[in-house]
Amino acid sequence: MAARRRLKRVAASQPGFLNLKSSLDPTDLVGCRRKRVNKNKKKNWNKYSDVHDVEEFLEDVRHQERTTGGLLSEKTDDTLFFVDLGHPEKTQQKDEAAQPDEGKKRKRKASRPLRIDLILQKDSLVPPPKDILAYQQPNAKKLRRIAQKAERLAAKGVVPRRQKQLLNRRPTDRTVKKAVAEANNNPAREYYDIWGQESTVSADPWYLQQTGKKLVKRPEKLNEKPSVLPAVEVIAPGGSYNPDFFSHQALLQEAHKVEVQKKKKEDKLEKQLAVNKEDKATEESNLREQVEGLLEEENEEEDLAPAKEDDEVALAAIAVTQKKTEKQIKKEKAEKLKEQQRLTNRRQTEQQQQLFQLRSIKASIRQQEEKTKSKQMQRKAKQEAQKAQPRRLGKLKFQAPDLDVQLSDELAGSLRQLKPEGSILKDRFKSLQKRNLIEPRERAKFKRKLKVKYVEKRAFKEIT
C-alpha cells in the first residue's frame, strides 16, 4: 500500500497528470509528508491505517452481486451483451392499429403493477442466507448410520428383524365378521368357566406385544415346588388307636432312637463343659505362682554362659570360610551341568518306558472314569435326598417335632376312650416349615421394660 501511494505522488508530480477527483489538490500529494507512526501499538492500527481502497473494492463487489447476482468478471458474454435488432414487434402493432376491425372492440392498455408492489419487490439478486437450523435433524448422524447399515444388509439379502416380525404376522381374514356379544340375561348362552385353563385371548400376539397387553411368561422356576414332600404326611401304622403289635413296637423303636440321639448330644455338651480335675488349683500350684518372680536372676546368669560359647563358635565358622578359587568354581559348574544332563536323560528314559505301559495307563484311566461316574451318581442321589430335607431359610434351624406315640399300657381299645395328643395347628405349622414354605420361627419372648413396684396398702400395714 505504501508503494502505491508513492507511485501516486510521483505521478501527480509529473506535468500533464489529470486527477479524476477535483477535490484533491496535486500539490497536497507532493507537499504533505506521511507522518511516521509506530504501528506496533494496537491503538494506532485504525487511526493511522488507510483502508479506503479496500472498502471501495468490497463495495464494488457487493454492488455487482446486488445488481447482477455475481461478479461481472465471472459472467459469460451472452449474459452481458445482446444483439440489437430494432423493434419489429412495435411496427407490427402499429400496422394492426392502422387497420382496426369493426367487429372487434378496441383493446385497453396493458395494466401496469402498482407502485406499492414495485416498492415491495426485491431489489437485490443476492440469495437469502441459508437457515442451517431448518435443515438440522436430531440424531442425524445416528439415523444416517442406521440407514447405511440397512442398505448394506439389503445388498447382502439380510432381512431386518422388524420386517421379519411383520412378515410372520398372522394374516387377518377381512371377510370374517366380528362376534356379536350376547346379552347377560340370555339363558341360552354358553357357560363360561372362570377357573378354566384355556386362554380366551385370540388377538394377534404381535399386536398384544406392541400394545403391552401380552401377559408376561411365567418363569419355570416358579412352577417347581420347593419340596417333594406331600402336604399331609400319613402317620405310621403304629400310630393308630388300635395298632398291630409289631407296627407299634417299630414305632416305639423309632421314638427310642430319637431319644437316644438327644441323650448323646446332652452328654457331649456336659463333657465339653465339665471342669478337669487336673486344672483345679492346689497348694503346690499356688506356692509356685507366688515364688515365680523370685528365681529369675539365677536362671539369667546360667543362660549367659552358653550364649557366649555360641558366639565364639559362630566367629570361628566365619573365619574358616574362605573365598573359593577359580578351579573350585569351574568344578562346581561342571558338576551342575552333569546333574542337569543326568536329569534330562532320566526324563527321556521314563517317557520311553511309558510307551510300554499303555495297557496299565488305559486301565488306570478306566478306573478313574468309573470313580468319577460313581461320584456323580452319589452326588445326584445326595441332591435328590436333599430335596426331601428342609433347607436353611432363616437364622434358625428346623427342629423336627416329637413323635406322637403312646406306650403299650396307654393304648385304648376304642375311640371313645382314646386320649387326644398333639395339636393340628402345630402340626400344620411344622409341615409348612418342613416343606420350605416358611422359615423356622420361635415364639417371641416378652421382656418387661419397667420393674414391677410393690406397695403395701395402708389396710394391709394395719393388719401386720
Protein backbone atom coordinates (compact mmCIF):
# COMPACT_ATOMS: atom_id res chain seq x y z
CA MET A 1 0.00 0.00 0.00
CA ALA A 2 2.90 2.35 0.76
CA ALA A 3 4.38 1.63 -2.70
CA ARG A 4 1.06 2.52 -4.35
CA ARG A 5 0.92 5.90 -2.58
CA ARG A 6 4.48 6.58 -3.60
CA LEU A 7 3.57 5.92 -7.24
CA LYS A 8 0.61 8.29 -6.90
CA ARG A 9 2.82 11.07 -5.55
CA VAL A 10 5.36 10.53 -8.34
CA ALA A 11 2.60 10.56 -10.99
CA ALA A 12 0.99 13.68 -9.50
CA SER A 13 4.32 15.49 -9.57
CA GLN A 14 4.69 14.80 -13.29
CA PRO A 15 3.45 17.59 -15.65
CA GLY A 16 0.22 16.89 -17.56
CA PHE A 17 -1.34 14.49 -14.94
CA LEU A 18 -5.13 14.75 -14.74
CA ASN A 19 -6.72 13.79 -11.45
CA LEU A 20 -10.30 12.40 -11.62
CA LYS A 21 -11.17 13.78 -8.18
CA SER A 22 -11.46 17.54 -8.29
CA SER A 23 -11.39 17.87 -4.51
CA LEU A 24 -7.87 16.53 -4.30
CA ASP A 25 -5.12 19.04 -5.00
CA PRO A 26 -2.00 17.55 -6.58
CA THR A 27 0.17 19.94 -4.62
CA ASP A 28 -1.08 18.33 -1.40
CA LEU A 29 0.26 14.97 -2.50
CA VAL A 30 3.65 16.44 -3.23
CA GLY A 31 3.89 18.82 -0.32
CA CYS A 32 2.43 16.75 2.52
CA ARG A 33 4.58 14.11 4.02
CA ARG A 34 3.37 10.97 5.69
CA LYS A 35 3.53 11.07 9.46
CA ARG A 36 5.79 8.47 10.96
CA VAL A 37 3.80 6.41 13.44
CA ASN A 38 4.67 3.35 15.45
CA LYS A 39 2.21 0.65 14.26
CA ASN A 40 3.32 -1.90 16.79
CA LYS A 41 0.77 -0.45 19.16
CA LYS A 42 -2.83 -1.54 18.73
CA LYS A 43 -4.31 1.93 19.27
CA ASN A 44 -2.53 3.21 16.11
CA TRP A 45 -3.84 0.45 13.80
CA ASN A 46 -7.20 2.04 12.89
CA LYS A 47 -6.14 5.62 13.46
CA TYR A 48 -3.23 5.69 11.02
CA SER A 49 -4.26 2.93 8.58
CA ASP A 50 -5.75 3.83 5.21
CA VAL A 51 -8.28 1.16 4.10
CA HIS A 52 -10.34 3.24 1.71
CA ASP A 53 -9.20 1.32 -1.34
CA VAL A 54 -10.15 -1.98 0.30
CA GLU A 55 -13.57 -0.65 1.27
CA GLU A 56 -14.17 0.68 -2.24
CA PHE A 57 -13.28 -2.68 -3.73
CA LEU A 58 -15.61 -4.53 -1.36
CA GLU A 59 -18.42 -2.04 -2.03
CA ASP A 60 -17.97 -2.57 -5.78
CA VAL A 61 -18.17 -6.37 -5.29
CA ARG A 62 -21.36 -6.03 -3.23
CA HIS A 63 -22.90 -3.70 -5.83
CA GLN A 64 -22.20 -6.23 -8.62
CA GLU A 65 -23.73 -9.05 -6.53
CA ARG A 66 -26.88 -6.99 -5.85
CA THR A 67 -27.45 -5.93 -9.44
CA THR A 68 -26.27 -8.92 -11.48
CA GLY A 69 -26.24 -11.74 -8.92
CA GLY A 70 -22.45 -12.21 -9.10
CA LEU A 71 -19.16 -10.74 -10.30
CA LEU A 72 -19.07 -9.38 -13.84
CA SER A 73 -15.69 -10.98 -14.44
CA GLU A 74 -17.25 -14.41 -13.89
CA LYS A 75 -20.24 -13.79 -16.20
CA THR A 76 -20.31 -15.03 -19.79
CA ASP A 77 -20.62 -12.76 -22.80
CA ASP A 78 -24.14 -13.97 -23.61
CA THR A 79 -25.42 -12.76 -20.25
CA LEU A 80 -23.78 -9.34 -20.57
CA PHE A 81 -24.38 -8.43 -24.23
CA PHE A 82 -27.14 -8.88 -26.81
CA VAL A 83 -27.61 -8.05 -30.50
CA ASP A 84 -29.90 -5.08 -31.14
CA LEU A 85 -32.30 -5.91 -33.99
CA GLY A 86 -34.61 -2.96 -33.58
CA HIS A 87 -38.30 -3.29 -32.51
CA PRO A 88 -40.11 -5.48 -35.09
CA GLU A 89 -42.97 -6.14 -32.70
CA LYS A 90 -43.79 -2.42 -32.38
CA THR A 91 -44.04 -2.00 -36.17
CA GLN A 92 -46.47 -4.87 -36.47
CA GLN A 93 -48.60 -3.44 -33.67
CA LYS A 94 -48.73 -0.04 -35.50
CA ASP A 95 -49.91 -1.70 -38.71
CA GLU A 96 -52.65 -3.53 -36.89
CA ALA A 97 -53.78 -0.33 -35.16
CA ALA A 98 -53.99 1.48 -38.54
CA GLN A 99 -56.47 -1.09 -39.87
CA PRO A 100 -58.91 -1.75 -36.99
CA ASP A 101 -61.70 -4.26 -37.42
CA GLU A 102 -65.21 -3.09 -36.94
CA GLY A 103 -66.39 -6.23 -35.15
CA LYS A 104 -63.67 -6.09 -32.54
CA LYS A 105 -63.50 -3.71 -29.67
CA ARG A 106 -60.52 -1.56 -29.00
CA LYS A 107 -58.08 -3.19 -26.63
CA ARG A 108 -57.23 -1.45 -23.41
CA LYS A 109 -53.73 -0.60 -22.36
CA ALA A 110 -51.87 -3.32 -20.55
CA SER A 111 -52.32 -2.99 -16.80
CA ARG A 112 -49.20 -1.89 -15.00
CA PRO A 113 -48.25 -3.07 -11.47
CA LEU A 114 -48.93 -0.73 -8.63
CA ARG A 115 -46.12 1.34 -7.21
CA ILE A 116 -46.50 -0.24 -3.76
CA ASP A 117 -45.93 -3.63 -5.36
CA LEU A 118 -42.86 -2.33 -7.14
CA ILE A 119 -41.51 -0.99 -3.86
CA LEU A 120 -42.05 -4.33 -2.15
CA GLN A 121 -40.28 -6.25 -4.88
CA LYS A 122 -36.78 -7.47 -4.23
CA ASP A 123 -34.16 -5.06 -5.45
CA SER A 124 -31.24 -7.41 -4.83
CA LEU A 125 -30.26 -10.55 -6.67
CA VAL A 126 -28.24 -11.87 -3.71
CA PRO A 127 -29.92 -15.07 -2.47
CA PRO A 128 -31.05 -15.05 1.16
CA PRO A 129 -28.75 -16.82 3.65
CA LYS A 130 -29.44 -20.47 4.23
CA ASP A 131 -31.10 -21.27 7.55
CA ILE A 132 -28.99 -24.10 8.94
CA LEU A 133 -31.35 -24.79 11.82
CA ALA A 134 -34.18 -25.51 9.38
CA TYR A 135 -32.13 -28.35 7.84
CA GLN A 136 -30.83 -29.79 11.10
CA GLN A 137 -32.33 -33.03 12.35
CA PRO A 138 -31.95 -34.57 15.82
CA ASN A 139 -29.74 -37.69 15.87
CA ALA A 140 -28.96 -37.14 12.18
CA LYS A 141 -25.61 -38.92 12.37
CA LYS A 142 -27.13 -41.91 14.15
CA LEU A 143 -30.02 -42.14 11.66
CA ARG A 144 -27.55 -41.87 8.80
CA ARG A 145 -25.52 -44.78 10.18
CA ILE A 146 -28.68 -46.87 10.62
CA ALA A 147 -29.74 -46.15 7.04
CA GLN A 148 -26.28 -47.05 5.71
CA LYS A 149 -26.31 -50.29 7.70
CA ALA A 150 -29.77 -51.14 6.35
CA GLU A 151 -28.54 -50.53 2.80
CA ARG A 152 -25.56 -52.84 3.36
CA LEU A 153 -27.77 -55.59 4.79
CA ALA A 154 -30.25 -55.18 1.94
CA ALA A 155 -27.40 -55.57 -0.56
CA LYS A 156 -26.40 -58.82 1.16
CA GLY A 157 -30.02 -60.04 1.23
CA VAL A 158 -30.48 -59.91 5.02
CA VAL A 159 -33.98 -59.07 6.21
CA PRO A 160 -34.26 -56.87 9.35
CA ARG A 161 -35.87 -58.29 12.48
CA ARG A 162 -38.81 -55.87 12.47
CA GLN A 163 -39.59 -56.73 8.86
CA LYS A 164 -39.43 -60.43 9.72
CA GLN A 165 -41.95 -59.89 12.51
CA LEU A 166 -44.26 -58.09 10.09
CA LEU A 167 -43.94 -60.92 7.55
CA ASN A 168 -44.57 -63.59 10.19
CA ARG A 169 -47.74 -61.92 11.40
CA ARG A 170 -50.88 -63.97 11.12
CA PRO A 171 -52.88 -62.78 8.09
CA THR A 172 -56.24 -61.37 9.14
CA ASP A 173 -59.33 -62.52 7.34
CA ARG A 174 -61.30 -59.42 6.34
CA THR A 175 -64.39 -61.41 5.41
CA VAL A 176 -64.96 -62.80 8.89
CA LYS A 177 -67.41 -60.72 10.84
CA LYS A 178 -66.88 -59.82 14.47
CA ALA A 179 -68.75 -61.92 17.00
CA VAL A 180 -71.66 -60.08 18.50
CA ALA A 181 -71.62 -60.10 22.30
CA GLU A 182 -74.66 -61.83 23.73
CA ALA A 183 -76.79 -60.28 26.41
CA ASN A 184 -76.09 -61.28 30.01
CA ASN A 185 -79.74 -62.13 30.60
CA ASN A 186 -79.83 -64.70 27.78
CA PRO A 187 -80.36 -68.13 29.39
CA ALA A 188 -79.27 -69.97 26.23
CA ARG A 189 -75.73 -68.53 26.19
CA GLU A 190 -72.70 -70.77 26.69
CA TYR A 191 -71.38 -71.45 30.17
CA TYR A 192 -68.03 -69.79 30.86
CA ASP A 193 -65.75 -71.35 33.48
CA ILE A 194 -63.67 -68.64 35.14
CA TRP A 195 -61.34 -71.26 36.62
CA GLY A 196 -60.66 -72.89 33.26
CA GLN A 197 -57.09 -73.23 31.95
CA GLU A 198 -57.87 -72.27 28.35
CA SER A 199 -56.88 -68.73 27.41
CA THR A 200 -59.60 -66.60 25.86
CA VAL A 201 -57.14 -64.21 24.15
CA SER A 202 -57.46 -64.67 20.37
CA ALA A 203 -55.80 -61.48 19.16
CA ASP A 204 -52.60 -61.24 17.19
CA PRO A 205 -49.60 -61.91 19.50
CA TRP A 206 -47.55 -59.22 17.77
CA TYR A 207 -50.37 -56.70 18.35
CA LEU A 208 -50.60 -57.71 22.03
CA GLN A 209 -46.84 -57.32 22.42
CA GLN A 210 -46.77 -53.86 20.84
CA THR A 211 -49.77 -52.61 22.85
CA GLY A 212 -48.42 -54.00 26.13
CA LYS A 213 -51.39 -56.32 26.68
CA LYS A 214 -49.45 -59.56 26.34
CA LEU A 215 -49.07 -61.45 29.60
CA VAL A 216 -45.57 -61.95 30.95
CA LYS A 217 -44.34 -65.52 30.62
CA ARG A 218 -44.21 -67.25 33.98
CA PRO A 219 -40.69 -68.48 34.84
CA GLU A 220 -40.25 -72.24 35.02
CA LYS A 221 -38.63 -71.87 38.43
CA LEU A 222 -41.94 -70.71 39.91
CA ASN A 223 -43.66 -73.87 38.68
CA GLU A 224 -41.31 -76.06 40.70
CA LYS A 225 -42.32 -76.98 44.23
CA PRO A 226 -39.84 -76.07 46.96
CA SER A 227 -40.05 -79.61 48.38
CA VAL A 228 -41.09 -83.05 47.19
CA LEU A 229 -42.76 -83.85 50.49
CA PRO A 230 -46.57 -84.18 50.45
CA ALA A 231 -48.73 -81.57 52.15
CA VAL A 232 -50.15 -84.14 54.58
CA GLU A 233 -47.88 -86.96 55.67
CA VAL A 234 -49.57 -90.25 56.57
CA ILE A 235 -48.64 -91.44 60.06
CA ALA A 236 -47.03 -94.85 60.54
CA PRO A 237 -49.36 -97.83 61.15
CA GLY A 238 -48.15 -97.98 64.76
CA GLY A 239 -49.78 -94.61 65.49
CA SER A 240 -53.32 -95.96 65.11
CA TYR A 241 -55.71 -96.05 68.07
CA ASN A 242 -55.73 -99.88 67.86
CA PRO A 243 -52.42 -100.75 66.13
CA ASP A 244 -50.82 -104.08 65.32
CA PHE A 245 -48.26 -105.30 67.86
CA PHE A 246 -45.26 -105.35 65.51
CA SER A 247 -46.06 -102.00 63.92
CA HIS A 248 -46.50 -100.43 67.37
CA GLN A 249 -43.15 -101.85 68.50
CA ALA A 250 -41.46 -100.48 65.36
CA LEU A 251 -42.84 -97.01 66.13
CA LEU A 252 -41.62 -97.29 69.73
CA GLN A 253 -38.16 -98.29 68.45
CA GLU A 254 -38.02 -95.22 66.22
CA ALA A 255 -39.03 -92.95 69.12
CA HIS A 256 -36.38 -94.65 71.26
CA LYS A 257 -33.66 -93.88 68.69
CA VAL A 258 -34.65 -90.22 68.68
CA GLU A 259 -34.40 -90.04 72.47
CA VAL A 260 -31.01 -91.79 72.42
CA GLN A 261 -29.66 -89.21 69.98
CA LYS A 262 -30.89 -86.41 72.21
CA LYS A 263 -29.22 -88.02 75.21
CA LYS A 264 -25.92 -88.35 73.36
CA LYS A 265 -25.93 -84.66 72.44
CA GLU A 266 -26.63 -83.67 76.04
CA ASP A 267 -23.83 -85.92 77.35
CA LYS A 268 -21.39 -84.50 74.81
CA LEU A 269 -22.26 -80.95 75.81
CA GLU A 270 -21.82 -81.77 79.53
CA LYS A 271 -18.48 -83.40 78.80
CA GLN A 272 -17.27 -80.31 76.95
CA LEU A 273 -18.38 -78.00 79.77
CA ALA A 274 -17.05 -80.23 82.55
CA VAL A 275 -14.06 -78.94 84.59
CA ASN A 276 -10.87 -81.06 84.52
CA LYS A 277 -9.64 -82.08 87.96
CA GLU A 278 -6.00 -81.56 86.96
CA ASP A 279 -6.74 -77.91 86.16
CA LYS A 280 -8.00 -77.24 89.67
CA ALA A 281 -5.80 -75.09 91.92
CA THR A 282 -3.82 -76.86 94.68
CA GLU A 283 -1.45 -75.71 97.45
CA GLU A 284 1.57 -76.63 95.34
CA SER A 285 0.37 -74.65 92.30
CA ASN A 286 -0.42 -71.64 94.50
CA LEU A 287 3.09 -71.73 96.02
CA ARG A 288 4.68 -72.00 92.56
CA GLU A 289 2.81 -68.92 91.41
CA GLN A 290 3.87 -66.93 94.47
CA VAL A 291 7.61 -67.80 94.09
CA GLU A 292 7.64 -67.43 90.27
CA GLY A 293 9.25 -63.95 90.11
CA LEU A 294 11.97 -64.54 92.72
CA LEU A 295 14.12 -67.12 90.82
CA GLU A 296 14.56 -65.21 87.55
CA GLU A 297 18.06 -63.72 88.32
CA GLU A 298 19.72 -67.11 88.90
CA ASN A 299 18.32 -68.50 85.65
CA GLU A 300 19.55 -65.45 83.68
CA GLU A 301 23.16 -65.90 84.89
CA GLU A 302 23.10 -69.58 83.87
CA ASP A 303 21.78 -68.68 80.39
CA LEU A 304 24.52 -66.08 79.69
CA ALA A 305 27.38 -68.66 79.71
CA PRO A 306 26.08 -70.90 76.84
CA ALA A 307 25.21 -67.77 74.82
CA LYS A 308 28.86 -66.64 74.89
CA GLU A 309 30.01 -70.10 73.77
CA ASP A 310 27.60 -69.98 70.77
CA ASP A 311 29.03 -66.59 69.69
CA GLU A 312 32.59 -67.93 69.77
CA VAL A 313 31.61 -70.94 67.61
CA ALA A 314 29.92 -68.64 65.04
CA LEU A 315 33.00 -66.42 64.80
CA ALA A 316 35.23 -69.45 64.27
CA ALA A 317 32.97 -70.71 61.47
CA ILE A 318 33.14 -67.30 59.74
CA ALA A 319 36.94 -67.29 59.96
CA VAL A 320 37.17 -70.81 58.48
CA THR A 321 35.04 -69.92 55.38
CA GLN A 322 37.37 -68.51 52.73
CA LYS A 323 36.89 -67.31 49.16
CA LYS A 324 36.66 -70.09 46.56
CA THR A 325 39.35 -70.44 43.95
CA GLU A 326 38.67 -70.37 40.19
CA LYS A 327 39.35 -74.11 39.95
CA GLN A 328 36.69 -74.86 42.58
CA ILE A 329 34.14 -72.63 40.82
CA LYS A 330 34.75 -74.41 37.48
CA LYS A 331 34.48 -77.80 39.16
CA GLU A 332 31.10 -76.89 40.73
CA LYS A 333 29.83 -75.58 37.38
CA ALA A 334 30.82 -78.83 35.65
CA GLU A 335 29.06 -80.86 38.36
CA LYS A 336 25.89 -78.82 37.89
CA LEU A 337 25.92 -79.41 34.13
CA LYS A 338 26.43 -83.15 34.71
CA GLU A 339 23.48 -83.23 37.12
CA GLN A 340 21.21 -81.42 34.60
CA GLN A 341 22.25 -83.81 31.83
CA ARG A 342 21.55 -86.80 34.08
CA LEU A 343 18.08 -85.49 34.89
CA THR A 344 17.23 -84.91 31.20
CA ASN A 345 18.42 -88.42 30.29
CA ARG A 346 16.36 -89.89 33.08
CA ARG A 347 13.28 -87.97 31.93
CA GLN A 348 13.71 -89.25 28.37
CA THR A 349 14.06 -92.85 29.54
CA GLU A 350 10.90 -92.52 31.62
CA GLN A 351 8.99 -91.22 28.59
CA GLN A 352 10.24 -94.14 26.51
CA GLN A 353 9.21 -96.59 29.23
CA GLN A 354 5.70 -95.14 29.24
CA LEU A 355 5.18 -96.43 25.69
CA PHE A 356 5.34 -99.97 27.08
CA GLN A 357 2.87 -99.09 29.84
CA LEU A 358 -0.09 -98.22 27.60
CA ARG A 359 -2.21 -101.07 28.96
CA SER A 360 -1.71 -100.06 32.54
CA ILE A 361 -2.35 -96.38 31.65
CA LYS A 362 -5.61 -97.30 29.89
CA ALA A 363 -6.65 -99.41 32.89
CA SER A 364 -5.92 -96.52 35.27
CA ILE A 365 -7.91 -94.12 33.05
CA ARG A 366 -10.82 -96.57 33.02
CA GLN A 367 -10.71 -96.83 36.80
CA GLN A 368 -10.63 -93.06 37.09
CA GLU A 369 -13.69 -92.74 34.82
CA GLU A 370 -15.55 -95.34 36.89
CA LYS A 371 -14.72 -93.43 40.05
CA THR A 372 -15.97 -90.16 38.56
CA LYS A 373 -19.20 -91.85 37.42
CA SER A 374 -19.76 -93.33 40.87
CA LYS A 375 -19.13 -89.91 42.44
CA GLN A 376 -21.62 -88.33 40.04
CA MET A 377 -24.22 -90.96 40.97
CA GLN A 378 -23.60 -90.32 44.66
CA ARG A 379 -23.85 -86.58 44.13
CA LYS A 380 -27.17 -86.97 42.28
CA ALA A 381 -28.51 -89.27 44.98
CA LYS A 382 -27.43 -86.77 47.62
CA GLN A 383 -29.16 -83.96 45.73
CA GLU A 384 -32.37 -85.99 45.46
CA ALA A 385 -32.20 -86.76 49.18
CA GLN A 386 -31.68 -83.07 49.97
CA LYS A 387 -34.90 -82.21 48.13
CA ALA A 388 -36.83 -84.01 50.85
CA GLN A 389 -34.90 -82.23 53.63
CA PRO A 390 -35.76 -78.77 54.99
CA ARG A 391 -33.41 -76.01 53.86
CA ARG A 392 -31.90 -73.21 55.92
CA LEU A 393 -34.16 -70.25 55.19
CA GLY A 394 -33.51 -68.12 58.27
CA LYS A 395 -31.21 -67.82 61.24
CA LEU A 396 -32.89 -70.76 62.99
CA LYS A 397 -32.62 -74.43 62.03
CA PHE A 398 -35.64 -76.62 61.57
CA GLN A 399 -36.33 -78.82 64.61
CA ALA A 400 -38.42 -81.88 63.90
CA PRO A 401 -41.45 -82.26 66.20
CA ASP A 402 -41.64 -85.09 68.71
CA LEU A 403 -43.34 -88.28 67.58
CA ASP A 404 -46.88 -88.68 68.90
CA VAL A 405 -46.64 -92.20 70.29
CA GLN A 406 -48.38 -93.95 73.16
CA LEU A 407 -46.89 -96.65 75.32
CA SER A 408 -48.34 -100.13 75.44
CA ASP A 409 -50.17 -99.52 78.72
CA GLU A 410 -51.63 -96.24 77.37
CA LEU A 411 -53.36 -97.80 74.36
CA ALA A 412 -57.15 -97.62 74.37
CA GLY A 413 -59.39 -100.27 72.94
CA SER A 414 -61.90 -97.85 71.38
CA LEU A 415 -62.13 -94.34 70.03
CA ARG A 416 -64.29 -93.28 72.96
CA GLN A 417 -61.50 -93.99 75.45
CA LEU A 418 -58.72 -92.53 73.24
CA LYS A 419 -56.82 -89.59 74.72
CA PRO A 420 -56.01 -86.85 72.15
CA GLU A 421 -52.34 -85.94 71.69
CA GLY A 422 -50.62 -83.13 69.80
CA SER A 423 -52.21 -80.17 68.04
CA ILE A 424 -53.46 -79.82 64.48
CA LEU A 425 -52.33 -76.18 64.33
CA LYS A 426 -48.76 -77.02 65.42
CA ASP A 427 -48.68 -79.96 63.01
CA ARG A 428 -49.63 -77.72 60.04
CA PHE A 429 -47.16 -75.05 61.15
CA LYS A 430 -44.29 -77.58 61.29
CA SER A 431 -45.37 -79.03 57.93
CA LEU A 432 -45.04 -75.60 56.27
CA GLN A 433 -41.55 -75.23 57.74
CA LYS A 434 -40.54 -78.72 56.64
CA ARG A 435 -41.73 -78.10 53.06
CA ASN A 436 -39.68 -74.84 52.84
CA LEU A 437 -42.73 -72.63 52.51
CA ILE A 438 -41.93 -70.54 55.58
CA GLU A 439 -38.77 -70.14 57.65
CA PRO A 440 -38.46 -71.74 61.10
CA ARG A 441 -39.66 -69.42 63.83
CA GLU A 442 -39.87 -69.34 67.59
CA ARG A 443 -42.22 -67.62 69.94
CA ALA A 444 -41.22 -64.04 70.75
CA LYS A 445 -40.07 -63.63 74.32
CA PHE A 446 -41.82 -60.99 76.38
CA LYS A 447 -39.46 -58.62 78.16
CA ARG A 448 -40.78 -56.27 80.79
CA LYS A 449 -39.29 -52.83 80.28
CA LEU A 450 -40.16 -51.42 83.71
CA LYS A 451 -39.72 -53.19 87.02
CA VAL A 452 -42.82 -54.08 89.00
CA LYS A 453 -43.16 -51.91 92.03
CA TYR A 454 -44.74 -53.50 95.08
CA VAL A 455 -46.52 -51.14 97.50
CA GLU A 456 -48.12 -52.14 100.77
CA LYS A 457 -51.53 -50.66 101.26
CA ARG A 458 -52.45 -48.92 104.49
CA ALA A 459 -55.07 -51.52 105.33
CA PHE A 460 -52.50 -54.30 104.98
CA LYS A 461 -49.98 -52.41 107.18
CA GLU A 462 -52.55 -52.08 109.94
CA ILE A 463 -53.14 -55.83 109.95
CA THR A 464 -49.44 -56.67 110.04
